[in-house]
Amino acid sequence: MKTKWNEKSTADKIMLILRIVISVVVLVGAALQITGVWDKALNVVIPLLSVLILIQSIGEHREQRKASAIVGYVCFAAMVVMIIGAML
């Protein structure tokens, strides 16, 4: 469902900007890890990726409340597993 920027709420605008910024940071971090420039990039990228999943699940919940409960719980569980995996 496409909406104009002016029609979005402030929370939706903030979540969209956060999604874009975190996505760019994750892509740059992944590129740095792959090229070997920064060997510890995954320690930063994985928690950020889990935050990105959480933000997307919140956005999904705001748009489609009925079907998003299960998706939200799965995304939250994935976020917790990714953060724990990054710590180990």
PDB file of N, CA and C in Angstrom:
ATOM      1  N   MET A   1       0.839  -1.164   0.000  1.00  0.00           N
ATOM      2  CA  MET A   1       0.000   0.000   0.000  1.00  0.00           C
ATOM      3  C   MET A   1       0.887   1.231   0.000  1.00  0.00           C
ATOM      4  N   LYS A   2       0.836   1.991  -1.067  1.00  0.00           N
ATOM      5  CA  LYS A   2       1.673   3.166  -1.185  1.00  0.00           C
ATOM      6  C   LYS A   2       0.974   4.366  -0.562  1.00  0.00           C
ATOM      7  N   THR A   3       1.717   5.102   0.220  1.00  0.00           N
ATOM      8  CA  THR A   3       1.202   6.344   0.792  1.00  0.00           C
ATOM      9  C   THR A   3       2.240   7.424   0.569  1.00  0.00           C
ATOM     10  N   LYS A   4       1.761   8.648   0.556  1.00  0.00           N
ATOM     11  CA  LYS A   4       2.668   9.767   0.392  1.00  0.00           C
ATOM     12  C   LYS A   4       3.384  10.043   1.701  1.00  0.00           C
ATOM     13  N   TRP A   5       4.547  10.666   1.586  1.00  0.00           N
ATOM     14  CA  TRP A   5       5.358  10.957   2.760  1.00  0.00           C
ATOM     15  C   TRP A   5       4.578  11.813   3.747  1.00  0.00           C
ATOM     16  N   ASN A   6       3.818  12.780   3.271  1.00  0.00           N
ATOM     17  CA  ASN A   6       3.071  13.680   4.149  1.00  0.00           C
ATOM     18  C   ASN A   6       1.935  12.974   4.879  1.00  0.00           C
ATOM     19  N   GLU A   7       1.461  11.863   4.357  1.00  0.00           N
ATOM     20  CA  GLU A   7       0.354  11.132   4.968  1.00  0.00           C
ATOM     21  C   GLU A   7       0.823  10.154   6.049  1.00  0.00           C
ATOM     22  N   LYS A   8       2.122   9.918   6.138  1.00  0.00           N
ATOM     23  CA  LYS A   8       2.641   8.973   7.127  1.00  0.00           C
ATOM     24  C   LYS A   8       2.746   9.643   8.487  1.00  0.00           C
ATOM     25  N   SER A   9       2.604   8.827   9.527  1.00  0.00           N
ATOM     26  CA  SER A   9       2.757   9.354  10.882  1.00  0.00           C
ATOM     27  C   SER A   9       4.243   9.538  11.189  1.00  0.00           C
ATOM     28  N   THR A  10       4.505  10.265  12.245  1.00  0.00           N
ATOM     29  CA  THR A  10       5.892  10.505  12.640  1.00  0.00           C
ATOM     30  C   THR A  10       6.605   9.200  12.981  1.00  0.00           C
ATOM     31  N   ALA A  11       5.915   8.296  13.656  1.00  0.00           N
ATOM     32  CA  ALA A  11       6.517   7.006  14.005  1.00  0.00           C
ATOM     33  C   ALA A  11       6.876   6.209  12.750  1.00  0.00           C
ATOM     34  N   ASP A  12       6.009   6.233  11.751  1.00  0.00           N
ATOM     35  CA  ASP A  12       6.296   5.523  10.504  1.00  0.00           C
ATOM     36  C   ASP A  12       7.500   6.133   9.790  1.00  0.00           C
ATOM     37  N   LYS A  13       7.602   7.447   9.809  1.00  0.00           N
ATOM     38  CA  LYS A  13       8.737   8.117   9.178  1.00  0.00           C
ATOM     39  C   LYS A  13      10.041   7.757   9.874  1.00  0.00           C
ATOM     40  N   ILE A  14      10.016   7.756  11.203  1.00  0.00           N
ATOM     41  CA  ILE A  14      11.224   7.423  11.963  1.00  0.00           C
ATOM     42  C   ILE A  14      11.633   5.981  11.707  1.00  0.00           C
ATOM     43  N   MET A  15      10.658   5.060  11.684  1.00  0.00           N
ATOM     44  CA  MET A  15      10.980   3.657  11.438  1.00  0.00           C
ATOM     45  C   MET A  15      11.539   3.459  10.035  1.00  0.00           C
ATOM     46  N   LEU A  16      11.007   4.175   9.052  1.00  0.00           N
ATOM     47  CA  LEU A  16      11.509   4.051   7.689  1.00  0.00           C
ATOM     48  C   LEU A  16      12.950   4.550   7.590  1.00  0.00           C
ATOM     49  N   ILE A  17      13.233   5.682   8.213  1.00  0.00           N
ATOM     50  CA  ILE A  17      14.596   6.221   8.189  1.00  0.00           C
ATOM     51  C   ILE A  17      15.556   5.277   8.911  1.00  0.00           C
ATOM     52  N   LEU A  18      15.129   4.742  10.060  1.00  0.00           N
ATOM     53  CA  LEU A  18      15.971   3.782  10.786  1.00  0.00           C
ATOM     54  C   LEU A  18      16.237   2.532   9.951  1.00  0.00           C
ATOM     55  N   ARG A  19      15.205   2.041   9.267  1.00  0.00           N
ATOM     56  CA  ARG A  19      15.384   0.859   8.421  1.00  0.00           C
ATOM     57  C   ARG A  19      16.402   1.116   7.326  1.00  0.00           C
ATOM     58  N   ILE A  20      16.342   2.289   6.714  1.00  0.00           N
ATOM     59  CA  ILE A  20      17.272   2.610   5.628  1.00  0.00           C
ATOM     60  C   ILE A  20      18.698   2.728   6.160  1.00  0.00           C
ATOM     61  N   VAL A  21      18.871   3.455   7.269  1.00  0.00           N
ATOM     62  CA  VAL A  21      20.209   3.658   7.830  1.00  0.00           C
ATOM     63  C   VAL A  21      20.813   2.339   8.286  1.00  0.00           C
ATOM     64  N   ILE A  22      20.047   1.539   9.003  1.00  0.00           N
ATOM     65  CA  ILE A  22      20.571   0.266   9.497  1.00  0.00           C
ATOM     66  C   ILE A  22      20.866  -0.677   8.337  1.00  0.00           C
ATOM     67  N   SER A  23      20.032  -0.665   7.303  1.00  0.00           N
ATOM     68  CA  SER A  23      20.290  -1.517   6.138  1.00  0.00           C
ATOM     69  C   SER A  23      21.607  -1.155   5.462  1.00  0.00           C
ATOM     70  N   VAL A  24      21.863   0.138   5.332  1.00  0.00           N
ATOM     71  CA  VAL A  24      23.119   0.574   4.710  1.00  0.00           C
ATOM     72  C   VAL A  24      24.312   0.154   5.570  1.00  0.00           C
ATOM     73  N   VAL A  25      24.199   0.329   6.884  1.00  0.00           N
ATOM     74  CA  VAL A  25      25.294  -0.058   7.782  1.00  0.00           C
ATOM     75  C   VAL A  25      25.533  -1.571   7.715  1.00  0.00           C
ATOM     76  N   VAL A  26      24.468  -2.350   7.656  1.00  0.00           N
ATOM     77  CA  VAL A  26      24.610  -3.806   7.562  1.00  0.00           C
ATOM     78  C   VAL A  26      25.286  -4.194   6.249  1.00  0.00           C
ATOM     79  N   LEU A  27      24.894  -3.571   5.158  1.00  0.00           N
ATOM     80  CA  LEU A  27      25.514  -3.875   3.868  1.00  0.00           C
ATOM     81  C   LEU A  27      26.991  -3.498   3.848  1.00  0.00           C
ATOM     82  N   VAL A  28      27.323  -2.334   4.391  1.00  0.00           N
ATOM     83  CA  VAL A  28      28.723  -1.915   4.447  1.00  0.00           C
ATOM     84  C   VAL A  28      29.525  -2.852   5.341  1.00  0.00           C
ATOM     85  N   GLY A  29      28.959  -3.211   6.488  1.00  0.00           N
ATOM     86  CA  GLY A  29      29.640  -4.135   7.386  1.00  0.00           C
ATOM     87  C   GLY A  29      29.863  -5.498   6.752  1.00  0.00           C
ATOM     88  N   ALA A  30      28.866  -5.981   6.032  1.00  0.00           N
ATOM     89  CA  ALA A  30      29.018  -7.272   5.350  1.00  0.00           C
ATOM     90  C   ALA A  30      30.100  -7.197   4.277  1.00  0.00           C
ATOM     91  N   ALA A  31      30.131  -6.075   3.560  1.00  0.00           N
ATOM     92  CA  ALA A  31      31.172  -5.908   2.538  1.00  0.00           C
ATOM     93  C   ALA A  31      32.563  -5.854   3.172  1.00  0.00           C
ATOM     94  N   LEU A  32      32.676  -5.166   4.303  1.00  0.00           N
ATOM     95  CA  LEU A  32      33.961  -5.100   4.999  1.00  0.00           C
ATOM     96  C   LEU A  32      34.395  -6.476   5.506  1.00  0.00           C
ATOM     97  N   GLN A  33      33.433  -7.264   5.972  1.00  0.00           N
ATOM     98  CA  GLN A  33      33.746  -8.621   6.453  1.00  0.00           C
ATOM     99  C   GLN A  33      34.177  -9.512   5.295  1.00  0.00           C
ATOM    100  N   ILE A  34      33.467  -9.430   4.182  1.00  0.00           N
ATOM    101  CA  ILE A  34      33.774 -10.287   3.031  1.00  0.00           C
ATOM    102  C   ILE A  34      35.143  -9.962   2.442  1.00  0.00           C
ATOM    103  N   THR A  35      35.449  -8.669   2.355  1.00  0.00           N
ATOM    104  CA  THR A  35      36.734  -8.278   1.770  1.00  0.00           C
ATOM    105  C   THR A  35      37.902  -8.449   2.727  1.00  0.00           C
ATOM    106  N   GLY A  36      37.622  -8.687   4.007  1.00  0.00           N
ATOM    107  CA  GLY A  36      38.683  -8.895   4.972  1.00  0.00           C
ATOM    108  C   GLY A  36      39.268  -7.615   5.538  1.00  0.00           C
ATOM    109  N   VAL A  37      38.642  -6.481   5.255  1.00  0.00           N
ATOM    110  CA  VAL A  37      39.132  -5.203   5.770  1.00  0.00           C
ATOM    111  C   VAL A  37      38.930  -5.123   7.277  1.00  0.00           C
ATOM    112  N   TRP A  38      37.767  -5.594   7.737  1.00  0.00           N
ATOM    113  CA  TRP A  38      37.457  -5.562   9.169  1.00  0.00           C
ATOM    114  C   TRP A  38      36.973  -6.953   9.562  1.00  0.00           C
ATOM    115  N   ASP A  39      37.815  -7.683  10.258  1.00  0.00           N
ATOM    116  CA  ASP A  39      37.514  -9.074  10.588  1.00  0.00           C
ATOM    117  C   ASP A  39      36.417  -9.223  11.631  1.00  0.00           C
ATOM    118  N   LYS A  40      36.196  -8.218  12.455  1.00  0.00           N
ATOM    119  CA  LYS A  40      35.192  -8.283  13.525  1.00  0.00           C
ATOM    120  C   LYS A  40      33.887  -7.593  13.143  1.00  0.00           C
ATOM    121  N   ALA A  41      33.638  -7.389  11.867  1.00  0.00           N
ATOM    122  CA  ALA A  41      32.442  -6.669  11.428  1.00  0.00           C
ATOM    123  C   ALA A  41      31.162  -7.420  11.790  1.00  0.00           C
ATOM    124  N   LEU A  42      31.214  -8.737  11.807  1.00  0.00           N
ATOM    125  CA  LEU A  42      30.015  -9.506  12.138  1.00  0.00           C
ATOM    126  C   LEU A  42      29.556  -9.271  13.567  1.00  0.00           C
ATOM    127  N   ASN A  43      30.478  -8.901  14.456  1.00  0.00           N
ATOM    128  CA  ASN A  43      30.093  -8.596  15.832  1.00  0.00           C
ATOM    129  C   ASN A  43      29.195  -7.365  15.910  1.00  0.00           C
ATOM    130  N   VAL A  44      29.270  -6.497  14.920  1.00  0.00           N
ATOM    131  CA  VAL A  44      28.424  -5.310  14.856  1.00  0.00           C
ATOM    132  C   VAL A  44      27.220  -5.551  13.964  1.00  0.00           C
ATOM    133  N   VAL A  45      27.430  -6.264  12.867  1.00  0.00           N
ATOM    134  CA  VAL A  45      26.386  -6.440  11.860  1.00  0.00           C
ATOM    135  C   VAL A  45      25.246  -7.319  12.362  1.00  0.00           C
ATOM    136  N   ILE A  46      25.540  -8.386  13.048  1.00  0.00           N
ATOM    137  CA  ILE A  46      24.485  -9.320  13.470  1.00  0.00           C
ATOM    138  C   ILE A  46      23.509  -8.682  14.457  1.00  0.00           C
ATOM    139  N   PRO A  47      23.968  -7.979  15.494  1.00  0.00           N
ATOM    140  CA  PRO A  47      22.980  -7.297  16.350  1.00  0.00           C
ATOM    141  C   PRO A  47      22.186  -6.227  15.611  1.00  0.00           C
ATOM    142  N   LEU A  48      22.838  -5.513  14.688  1.00  0.00           N
ATOM    143  CA  LEU A  48      22.101  -4.516  13.908  1.00  0.00           C
ATOM    144  C   LEU A  48      21.068  -5.172  13.006  1.00  0.00           C
ATOM    145  N   LEU A  49      21.412  -6.329  12.472  1.00  0.00           N
ATOM    146  CA  LEU A  49      20.467  -7.068  11.645  1.00  0.00           C
ATOM    147  C   LEU A  49      19.264  -7.516  12.466  1.00  0.00           C
ATOM    148  N   SER A  50      19.504  -7.906  13.711  1.00  0.00           N
ATOM    149  CA  SER A  50      18.382  -8.299  14.567  1.00  0.00           C
ATOM    150  C   SER A  50      17.511  -7.096  14.922  1.00  0.00           C
ATOM    151  N   VAL A  51      18.117  -5.925  15.107  1.00  0.00           N
ATOM    152  CA  VAL A  51      17.329  -4.707  15.341  1.00  0.00           C
ATOM    153  C   VAL A  51      16.511  -4.378  14.099  1.00  0.00           C
ATOM    154  N   LEU A  52      17.091  -4.559  12.926  1.00  0.00           N
ATOM    155  CA  LEU A  52      16.367  -4.326  11.679  1.00  0.00           C
ATOM    156  C   LEU A  52      15.161  -5.254  11.562  1.00  0.00           C
ATOM    157  N   ILE A  53      15.325  -6.508  11.933  1.00  0.00           N
ATOM    158  CA  ILE A  53      14.216  -7.457  11.918  1.00  0.00           C
ATOM    159  C   ILE A  53      13.124  -7.016  12.891  1.00  0.00           C
ATOM    160  N   LEU A  54      13.520  -6.539  14.055  1.00  0.00           N
ATOM    161  CA  LEU A  54      12.553  -6.057  15.036  1.00  0.00           C
ATOM    162  C   LEU A  54      11.785  -4.850  14.502  1.00  0.00           C
ATOM    163  N   ILE A  55      12.468  -3.909  13.879  1.00  0.00           N
ATOM    164  CA  ILE A  55      11.808  -2.729  13.322  1.00  0.00           C
ATOM    165  C   ILE A  55      10.841  -3.132  12.219  1.00  0.00           C
ATOM    166  N   GLN A  56      11.240  -4.077  11.385  1.00  0.00           N
ATOM    167  CA  GLN A  56      10.345  -4.529  10.316  1.00  0.00           C
ATOM    168  C   GLN A  56       9.132  -5.263  10.879  1.00  0.00           C
ATOM    169  N   SER A  57       9.310  -6.012  11.946  1.00  0.00           N
ATOM    170  CA  SER A  57       8.158  -6.701  12.526  1.00  0.00           C
ATOM    171  C   SER A  57       7.196  -5.703  13.174  1.00  0.00           C
ATOM    172  N   ILE A  58       7.735  -4.642  13.774  1.00  0.00           N
ATOM    173  CA  ILE A  58       6.866  -3.593  14.330  1.00  0.00           C
ATOM    174  C   ILE A  58       6.087  -2.906  13.216  1.00  0.00           C
ATOM    175  N   GLY A  59       6.761  -2.605  12.116  1.00  0.00           N
ATOM    176  CA  GLY A  59       6.081  -2.001  10.975  1.00  0.00           C
ATOM    177  C   GLY A  59       5.009  -2.904  10.392  1.00  0.00           C
ATOM    178  N   GLU A  60       5.298  -4.189  10.333  1.00  0.00           N
ATOM    179  CA  GLU A  60       4.307  -5.156   9.842  1.00  0.00           C
ATOM    180  C   GLU A  60       3.115  -5.203  10.783  1.00  0.00           C
ATOM    181  N   HIS A  61       3.373  -5.143  12.060  1.00  0.00           N
ATOM    182  CA  HIS A  61       2.290  -5.177  13.033  1.00  0.00           C
ATOM    183  C   HIS A  61       1.399  -3.945  12.917  1.00  0.00           C
ATOM    184  N   ARG A  62       1.997  -2.804  12.645  1.00  0.00           N
ATOM    185  CA  ARG A  62       1.224  -1.565  12.517  1.00  0.00           C
ATOM    186  C   ARG A  62       0.335  -1.585  11.277  1.00  0.00           C
ATOM    187  N   GLU A  63       0.765  -2.292  10.230  1.00  0.00           N
ATOM    188  CA  GLU A  63      -0.007  -2.299   8.987  1.00  0.00           C
ATOM    189  C   GLU A  63      -1.047  -3.409   8.940  1.00  0.00           C
ATOM    190  N   GLN A  64      -0.699  -4.580   9.449  1.00  0.00           N
ATOM    191  CA  GLN A  64      -1.627  -5.712   9.381  1.00  0.00           C
ATOM    192  C   GLN A  64      -1.629  -6.417  10.727  1.00  0.00           C
ATOM    193  N   ARG A  65      -2.519  -5.995  11.572  1.00  0.00           N
ATOM    194  CA  ARG A  65      -2.531  -6.471  12.949  1.00  0.00           C
ATOM    195  C   ARG A  65      -2.941  -7.935  13.081  1.00  0.00           C
ATOM    196  N   LYS A  66      -3.825  -8.411  12.247  1.00  0.00           N
ATOM    197  CA  LYS A  66      -4.341  -9.776  12.408  1.00  0.00           C
ATOM    198  C   LYS A  66      -3.274 -10.826  12.157  1.00  0.00           C
ATOM    199  N   ALA A  67      -2.607 -10.744  11.028  1.00  0.00           N
ATOM    200  CA  ALA A  67      -1.665 -11.787  10.638  1.00  0.00           C
ATOM    201  C   ALA A  67      -0.282 -11.569  11.230  1.00  0.00           C
ATOM    202  N   SER A  68      -0.046 -10.422  11.819  1.00  0.00           N
ATOM    203  CA  SER A  68       1.314 -10.100  12.216  1.00  0.00           C
ATOM    204  C   SER A  68       1.709 -10.610  13.590  1.00  0.00           C
ATOM    205  N   ALA A  69       0.794 -11.089  14.374  1.00  0.00           N
ATOM    206  CA  ALA A  69       1.148 -11.547  15.722  1.00  0.00           C
ATOM    207  C   ALA A  69       2.135 -12.703  15.659  1.00  0.00           C
ATOM    208  N   ILE A  70       1.866 -13.683  14.842  1.00  0.00           N
ATOM    209  CA  ILE A  70       2.761 -14.831  14.722  1.00  0.00           C
ATOM    210  C   ILE A  70       4.083 -14.405  14.098  1.00  0.00           C
ATOM    211  N   VAL A  71       4.021 -13.579  13.064  1.00  0.00           N
ATOM    212  CA  VAL A  71       5.237 -13.095  12.411  1.00  0.00           C
ATOM    213  C   VAL A  71       6.078 -12.290  13.395  1.00  0.00           C
ATOM    214  N   GLY A  72       5.435 -11.472  14.196  1.00  0.00           N
ATOM    215  CA  GLY A  72       6.148 -10.669  15.187  1.00  0.00           C
ATOM    216  C   GLY A  72       6.861 -11.520  16.209  1.00  0.00           C
ATOM    217  N   TYR A  73       6.191 -12.559  16.708  1.00  0.00           N
ATOM    218  CA  TYR A  73       6.824 -13.448  17.682  1.00  0.00           C
ATOM    219  C   TYR A  73       8.002 -14.198  17.069  1.00  0.00           C
ATOM    220  N   VAL A  74       7.856 -14.634  15.836  1.00  0.00           N
ATOM    221  CA  VAL A  74       8.945 -15.334  15.156  1.00  0.00           C
ATOM    222  C   VAL A  74      10.124 -14.389  14.943  1.00  0.00           C
ATOM    223  N   CYS A  75       9.849 -13.157  14.527  1.00  0.00           N
ATOM    224  CA  CYS A  75      10.923 -12.181  14.321  1.00  0.00           C
ATOM    225  C   CYS A  75      11.612 -11.837  15.635  1.00  0.00           C
ATOM    226  N   PHE A  76      10.842 -11.718  16.706  1.00  0.00           N
ATOM    227  CA  PHE A  76      11.437 -11.433  18.008  1.00  0.00           C
ATOM    228  C   PHE A  76      12.316 -12.592  18.461  1.00  0.00           C
ATOM    229  N   ALA A  77      11.845 -13.806  18.257  1.00  0.00           N
ATOM    230  CA  ALA A  77      12.648 -14.975  18.626  1.00  0.00           C
ATOM    231  C   ALA A  77      13.927 -15.034  17.788  1.00  0.00           C
ATOM    232  N   ALA A  78      13.820 -14.707  16.495  1.00  0.00           N
ATOM    233  CA  ALA A  78      15.005 -14.687  15.633  1.00  0.00           C
ATOM    234  C   ALA A  78      15.992 -13.624  16.101  1.00  0.00           C
ATOM    235  N   MET A  79      15.478 -12.481  16.532  1.00  0.00           N
ATOM    236  CA  MET A  79      16.338 -11.416  17.026  1.00  0.00           C
ATOM    237  C   MET A  79      17.095 -11.867  18.268  1.00  0.00           C
ATOM    238  N   VAL A  80      16.410 -12.514  19.196  1.00  0.00           N
ATOM    239  CA  VAL A  80      17.048 -12.980  20.428  1.00  0.00           C
ATOM    240  C   VAL A  80      18.123 -14.018  20.103  1.00  0.00           C
ATOM    241  N   VAL A  81      17.816 -14.939  19.217  1.00  0.00           N
ATOM    242  CA  VAL A  81      18.790 -15.975  18.846  1.00  0.00           C
ATOM    243  C   VAL A  81      20.014 -15.351  18.173  1.00  0.00           C
ATOM    244  N   MET A  82      19.778 -14.352  17.316  1.00  0.00           N
ATOM    245  CA  MET A  82      20.912 -13.716  16.626  1.00  0.00           C
ATOM    246  C   MET A  82      21.798 -12.958  17.598  1.00  0.00           C
ATOM    247  N   ILE A  83      21.205 -12.284  18.562  1.00  0.00           N
ATOM    248  CA  ILE A  83      22.006 -11.541  19.534  1.00  0.00           C
ATOM    249  C   ILE A  83      22.804 -12.506  20.411  1.00  0.00           C
ATOM    250  N   ILE A  84      22.171 -13.581  20.852  1.00  0.00           N
ATOM    251  CA  ILE A  84      22.888 -14.574  21.663  1.00  0.00           C
ATOM    252  C   ILE A  84      24.010 -15.219  20.854  1.00  0.00           C
ATOM    253  N   GLY A  85      23.726 -15.512  19.595  1.00  0.00           N
ATOM    254  CA  GLY A  85      24.757 -16.093  18.730  1.00  0.00           C
ATOM    255  C   GLY A  85      25.920 -15.147  18.490  1.00  0.00           C
ATOM    256  N   ALA A  86      25.637 -13.850  18.428  1.00  0.00           N
ATOM    257  CA  ALA A  86      26.718 -12.879  18.222  1.00  0.00           C
ATOM    258  C   ALA A  86      27.591 -12.746  19.453  1.00  0.00           C
ATOM    259  N   MET A  87      26.998 -12.984  20.634  1.00  0.00           N
ATOM    260  CA  MET A  87      27.761 -12.859  21.871  1.00  0.00           C
ATOM    261  C   MET A  87      28.731 -14.028  22.066  1.00  0.00           C
ATOM    262  N   LEU A  88      28.378 -15.180  21.538  1.00  0.00           N
ATOM    263  CA  LEU A  88      29.208 -16.373  21.749  1.00  0.00           C
ATOM    264  C   LEU A  88      30.423 -16.391  20.876  1.00  0.00           C
TER     265      LEU A  88
END
